[in-house]
Amino acid sequence: MKYFMAFALCAVATIVLIHVICKLLGVGEPSQVVTWVPVAFLYLSFYGFGNPFTKTQNKD
């Protein structure tokens, strides 16, 4: 749950910063690709290619 909250906060901050930067530069609204590619990168950074909702098993 801790990773999900960190991912959610980073994703929201990324989207907000993209919109602020585009507004400051006067570019207009960013396209869907510009918005979701950094969020996809964050997802891969946090979870990799595995399923984020499965618990890891400790192998002793």
N, C-alpha and C. Protein backbone atom coordinates (compact mmCIF):
# COMPACT_ATOMS: atom_id res chain seq x y z
N MET A 1 0.82 -1.19 0.00
CA MET A 1 0.00 0.00 0.00
C MET A 1 0.87 1.26 0.00
N LYS A 2 2.04 1.14 0.65
CA LYS A 2 2.94 2.29 0.71
C LYS A 2 3.44 2.67 -0.68
N TYR A 3 3.76 1.65 -1.50
CA TYR A 3 4.23 1.93 -2.85
C TYR A 3 3.13 2.55 -3.71
N PHE A 4 1.89 2.08 -3.52
CA PHE A 4 0.79 2.63 -4.30
C PHE A 4 0.55 4.09 -3.98
N MET A 5 0.61 4.45 -2.70
CA MET A 5 0.42 5.84 -2.32
C MET A 5 1.54 6.73 -2.87
N ALA A 6 2.77 6.24 -2.81
CA ALA A 6 3.88 7.00 -3.37
C ALA A 6 3.74 7.14 -4.88
N PHE A 7 3.33 6.05 -5.55
CA PHE A 7 3.12 6.11 -6.99
C PHE A 7 2.01 7.10 -7.33
N ALA A 8 0.91 7.06 -6.61
CA ALA A 8 -0.22 7.94 -6.88
C ALA A 8 0.18 9.41 -6.69
N LEU A 9 0.91 9.71 -5.62
CA LEU A 9 1.34 11.09 -5.39
C LEU A 9 2.31 11.57 -6.48
N CYS A 10 3.24 10.71 -6.87
CA CYS A 10 4.19 11.09 -7.93
C CYS A 10 3.48 11.26 -9.27
N ALA A 11 2.50 10.42 -9.55
CA ALA A 11 1.77 10.53 -10.81
C ALA A 11 0.96 11.82 -10.87
N VAL A 12 0.30 12.16 -9.78
CA VAL A 12 -0.48 13.41 -9.75
C VAL A 12 0.44 14.61 -9.86
N ALA A 13 1.56 14.58 -9.16
CA ALA A 13 2.51 15.70 -9.25
C ALA A 13 3.07 15.83 -10.66
N THR A 14 3.31 14.71 -11.33
CA THR A 14 3.82 14.75 -12.70
C THR A 14 2.81 15.38 -13.63
N ILE A 15 1.56 14.98 -13.52
CA ILE A 15 0.51 15.52 -14.40
C ILE A 15 0.33 17.01 -14.15
N VAL A 16 0.33 17.42 -12.89
CA VAL A 16 0.17 18.84 -12.57
C VAL A 16 1.35 19.65 -13.11
N LEU A 17 2.56 19.15 -12.93
CA LEU A 17 3.73 19.88 -13.43
C LEU A 17 3.74 19.98 -14.95
N ILE A 18 3.30 18.94 -15.64
CA ILE A 18 3.22 19.00 -17.10
C ILE A 18 2.25 20.09 -17.53
N HIS A 19 1.11 20.17 -16.88
CA HIS A 19 0.13 21.21 -17.24
C HIS A 19 0.64 22.61 -16.90
N VAL A 20 1.32 22.76 -15.78
CA VAL A 20 1.85 24.07 -15.40
C VAL A 20 2.93 24.52 -16.37
N ILE A 21 3.83 23.61 -16.73
CA ILE A 21 4.90 23.96 -17.66
C ILE A 21 4.33 24.34 -19.03
N CYS A 22 3.36 23.58 -19.50
CA CYS A 22 2.74 23.90 -20.80
C CYS A 22 2.02 25.24 -20.75
N LYS A 23 1.39 25.55 -19.62
CA LYS A 23 0.70 26.83 -19.50
C LYS A 23 1.70 27.98 -19.44
N LEU A 24 2.82 27.81 -18.71
CA LEU A 24 3.83 28.86 -18.61
C LEU A 24 4.51 29.12 -19.95
N LEU A 25 4.72 28.07 -20.73
CA LEU A 25 5.36 28.24 -22.03
C LEU A 25 4.38 28.69 -23.11
N GLY A 26 3.10 28.66 -22.80
CA GLY A 26 2.10 29.11 -23.76
C GLY A 26 1.88 28.13 -24.88
N VAL A 27 2.14 26.85 -24.64
CA VAL A 27 2.01 25.83 -25.68
C VAL A 27 0.56 25.42 -25.85
N GLY A 28 -0.25 25.53 -24.84
CA GLY A 28 -1.63 25.07 -24.87
C GLY A 28 -1.74 23.77 -24.10
N GLU A 29 -2.82 23.06 -24.34
CA GLU A 29 -3.05 21.80 -23.62
C GLU A 29 -2.13 20.71 -24.14
N PRO A 30 -1.51 19.96 -23.23
CA PRO A 30 -0.66 18.84 -23.68
C PRO A 30 -1.52 17.70 -24.21
N SER A 31 -0.98 16.96 -25.14
CA SER A 31 -1.71 15.83 -25.70
C SER A 31 -1.72 14.67 -24.71
N GLN A 32 -2.49 13.66 -25.02
CA GLN A 32 -2.59 12.49 -24.13
C GLN A 32 -1.25 11.77 -24.00
N VAL A 33 -0.49 11.72 -25.09
CA VAL A 33 0.79 11.04 -25.07
C VAL A 33 1.77 11.75 -24.14
N VAL A 34 1.79 13.07 -24.21
CA VAL A 34 2.69 13.85 -23.36
C VAL A 34 2.33 13.67 -21.89
N THR A 35 1.07 13.47 -21.60
CA THR A 35 0.63 13.32 -20.22
C THR A 35 0.90 11.92 -19.68
N TRP A 36 0.64 10.88 -20.47
CA TRP A 36 0.66 9.52 -19.93
C TRP A 36 1.98 8.79 -20.08
N VAL A 37 2.87 9.23 -20.93
CA VAL A 37 4.17 8.57 -21.05
C VAL A 37 5.00 8.72 -19.77
N PRO A 38 5.08 9.90 -19.15
CA PRO A 38 5.81 9.97 -17.87
C PRO A 38 5.15 9.16 -16.76
N VAL A 39 3.83 9.07 -16.77
CA VAL A 39 3.14 8.26 -15.76
C VAL A 39 3.45 6.78 -15.99
N ALA A 40 3.51 6.35 -17.24
CA ALA A 40 3.87 4.96 -17.54
C ALA A 40 5.31 4.68 -17.09
N PHE A 41 6.20 5.63 -17.29
CA PHE A 41 7.58 5.49 -16.83
C PHE A 41 7.63 5.36 -15.30
N LEU A 42 6.84 6.17 -14.60
CA LEU A 42 6.77 6.07 -13.14
C LEU A 42 6.25 4.70 -12.72
N TYR A 43 5.23 4.20 -13.42
CA TYR A 43 4.68 2.89 -13.09
C TYR A 43 5.74 1.80 -13.22
N LEU A 44 6.50 1.86 -14.31
CA LEU A 44 7.56 0.87 -14.49
C LEU A 44 8.66 1.05 -13.46
N SER A 45 8.90 2.27 -13.02
CA SER A 45 9.91 2.51 -12.00
C SER A 45 9.49 1.92 -10.65
N PHE A 46 8.21 2.05 -10.33
CA PHE A 46 7.74 1.57 -9.05
C PHE A 46 7.51 0.07 -9.03
N TYR A 47 6.89 -0.45 -10.09
CA TYR A 47 6.43 -1.83 -10.06
C TYR A 47 7.12 -2.76 -11.04
N GLY A 48 7.79 -2.23 -12.03
CA GLY A 48 8.37 -3.09 -13.06
C GLY A 48 7.28 -3.69 -13.92
N PHE A 49 7.52 -4.89 -14.43
CA PHE A 49 6.53 -5.52 -15.30
C PHE A 49 5.65 -6.50 -14.54
N GLY A 50 5.82 -6.62 -13.24
CA GLY A 50 5.03 -7.55 -12.44
C GLY A 50 3.69 -6.96 -12.07
N ASN A 51 2.86 -7.75 -11.46
CA ASN A 51 1.56 -7.30 -11.01
C ASN A 51 1.71 -6.59 -9.66
N PRO A 52 1.29 -5.33 -9.55
CA PRO A 52 1.49 -4.60 -8.31
C PRO A 52 0.58 -5.05 -7.16
N PHE A 53 -0.46 -5.80 -7.47
CA PHE A 53 -1.42 -6.18 -6.44
C PHE A 53 -1.14 -7.55 -5.83
N THR A 54 -0.06 -8.19 -6.24
CA THR A 54 0.30 -9.47 -5.63
C THR A 54 1.34 -9.22 -4.54
N LYS A 55 1.26 -9.99 -3.50
CA LYS A 55 2.22 -9.85 -2.40
C LYS A 55 3.46 -10.66 -2.73
N THR A 56 4.60 -10.12 -2.34
CA THR A 56 5.84 -10.86 -2.54
C THR A 56 5.95 -11.94 -1.47
N GLN A 57 6.52 -13.06 -1.85
CA GLN A 57 6.67 -14.15 -0.91
C GLN A 57 8.10 -14.17 -0.40
N ASN A 58 8.25 -14.27 0.91
CA ASN A 58 9.57 -14.36 1.52
C ASN A 58 10.07 -15.79 1.40
N LYS A 59 11.23 -15.96 0.85
CA LYS A 59 11.80 -17.29 0.72
C LYS A 59 12.92 -17.42 1.74
N ASP A 60 12.65 -18.18 2.76
CA ASP A 60 13.63 -18.36 3.83
C ASP A 60 14.50 -19.56 3.60
